[in-house]
Amino acid sequence: MIGICSVGIVGLGLLCGLATSAIAETGFVTKRVSGCDYFLIDAPSGYVVAEWYGGHDPYKGEKVVGSFDSFGFLTFFYRSGNVDGRVYIEDYGLDEDDALEKLSEQCN
């Protein structure tokens, strides 16, 4: 990708910059607590503790597509990418035990 992105064409350079700055992963909602806006996502980079902030309200077992490697507000895509929702990433890159502990702290 370096060779293509180093071409001196402005449009291509902009496109390459956008392509390398946001890498999407696919994860699955593994835990949802009734009455709590927080949930867990099992992602390739580790477990994610997320708080639902609007749009689609995900359910356990649902496929999630997004960038799982930063804190803050993000938009995730659910199902086949045709439904989105806003979340706040509380923590990421966790093992299952740490993720469950953080979820328990938020939902009690």
Protein backbone atom coordinates (compact mmCIF):
# COMPACT_ATOMS: atom_id res chain seq x y z
CA MET A 1 0.00 0.00 0.00
CA ILE A 2 2.95 2.36 0.54
CA GLY A 3 3.80 2.41 -3.17
CA ILE A 4 0.27 3.29 -4.19
CA CYS A 5 -0.14 5.91 -1.47
CA SER A 6 3.12 7.66 -2.35
CA VAL A 7 1.88 8.56 -5.84
CA GLY A 8 1.87 12.34 -6.29
CA ILE A 9 -1.82 12.61 -7.19
CA VAL A 10 -3.69 14.67 -4.58
CA GLY A 11 -6.97 12.72 -4.79
CA LEU A 12 -5.23 9.37 -4.45
CA GLY A 13 -3.18 10.65 -1.51
CA LEU A 14 -6.34 11.77 0.26
CA LEU A 15 -8.01 8.44 -0.42
CA CYS A 16 -5.01 6.52 0.92
CA GLY A 17 -4.97 8.64 4.08
CA LEU A 18 -8.61 7.87 4.75
CA ALA A 19 -8.17 4.17 4.03
CA THR A 20 -5.34 3.73 6.53
CA SER A 21 -6.81 5.82 9.35
CA ALA A 22 -9.95 3.77 10.06
CA ILE A 23 -9.69 0.00 10.10
CA ALA A 24 -12.95 -1.81 10.83
CA GLU A 25 -13.13 -5.07 12.71
CA THR A 26 -16.03 -7.44 13.22
CA GLY A 27 -17.08 -8.46 16.71
CA PHE A 28 -20.13 -9.88 18.45
CA VAL A 29 -22.19 -8.65 21.40
CA THR A 30 -21.54 -11.25 24.10
CA LYS A 31 -23.24 -9.74 27.15
CA ARG A 32 -26.20 -7.43 27.63
CA VAL A 33 -27.64 -6.63 31.08
CA SER A 34 -31.34 -5.78 31.27
CA GLY A 35 -31.89 -2.17 32.33
CA CYS A 36 -28.25 -1.17 31.66
CA ASP A 37 -26.91 0.74 28.66
CA TYR A 38 -23.50 -0.99 28.83
CA PHE A 39 -22.65 -4.14 26.88
CA LEU A 40 -19.65 -6.28 25.91
CA ILE A 41 -18.27 -6.90 22.44
CA ASP A 42 -15.91 -9.78 21.70
CA ALA A 43 -13.57 -8.32 19.06
CA PRO A 44 -10.38 -9.72 17.48
CA SER A 45 -8.35 -7.19 19.51
CA GLY A 46 -9.99 -8.20 22.82
CA TYR A 47 -13.18 -7.48 24.70
CA VAL A 48 -14.75 -4.01 24.51
CA VAL A 49 -16.93 -2.37 27.17
CA ALA A 50 -19.33 -0.05 25.33
CA GLU A 51 -22.18 2.20 26.41
CA TRP A 52 -25.17 2.61 24.09
CA TYR A 53 -25.91 6.27 23.25
CA GLY A 54 -28.55 6.10 20.53
CA GLY A 55 -29.64 4.56 17.28
CA HIS A 56 -29.86 0.78 17.10
CA ASP A 57 -29.87 -0.88 20.51
CA PRO A 58 -27.78 -4.06 20.04
CA TYR A 59 -28.76 -7.46 21.39
CA LYS A 60 -26.70 -10.45 22.56
CA GLY A 61 -25.23 -12.41 19.66
CA GLU A 62 -25.49 -9.56 17.18
CA LYS A 63 -22.64 -8.85 14.75
CA VAL A 64 -20.96 -5.46 15.21
CA VAL A 65 -18.62 -3.73 12.74
CA GLY A 66 -16.44 -0.82 13.82
CA SER A 67 -13.09 0.31 15.12
CA PHE A 68 -12.55 -1.24 18.55
CA ASP A 69 -9.17 0.28 19.41
CA SER A 70 -9.88 3.70 20.90
CA PHE A 71 -11.82 5.41 23.67
CA GLY A 72 -14.70 7.79 23.08
CA PHE A 73 -17.77 8.17 20.92
CA LEU A 74 -18.03 6.02 17.80
CA THR A 75 -20.65 4.83 15.35
CA PHE A 76 -20.93 1.06 14.98
CA PHE A 77 -22.74 -0.85 12.27
CA TYR A 78 -24.94 -3.83 13.02
CA ARG A 79 -26.48 -6.68 11.06
CA SER A 80 -25.12 -6.42 7.50
CA GLY A 81 -24.02 -2.81 7.90
CA ASN A 82 -27.45 -1.38 7.17
CA VAL A 83 -28.22 -0.33 10.77
CA ASP A 84 -26.05 1.95 12.91
CA GLY A 85 -25.84 3.04 16.52
CA ARG A 86 -23.83 5.49 18.59
CA VAL A 87 -21.70 4.15 21.45
CA TYR A 88 -19.11 5.36 23.93
CA ILE A 89 -16.11 3.03 24.32
CA GLU A 90 -15.39 2.79 28.03
CA ASP A 91 -12.50 0.32 27.65
CA TYR A 92 -11.05 -2.03 25.02
CA GLY A 93 -8.42 -4.74 24.50
CA LEU A 94 -9.53 -6.54 27.67
CA ASP A 95 -9.57 -10.23 28.50
CA GLU A 96 -12.98 -11.73 29.28
CA ASP A 97 -12.63 -11.63 33.08
CA ASP A 98 -11.59 -7.95 33.17
CA ALA A 99 -14.39 -7.03 30.74
CA LEU A 100 -17.02 -8.82 32.86
CA GLU A 101 -15.73 -7.08 36.00
CA LYS A 102 -15.94 -3.63 34.36
CA LEU A 103 -19.42 -4.39 33.03
CA SER A 104 -20.52 -5.45 36.52
CA GLU A 105 -19.17 -2.17 37.96
CA GLN A 106 -21.18 -0.14 35.43
CA CYS A 107 -24.43 -2.10 35.71
CA ASN A 108 -24.85 -2.27 39.50
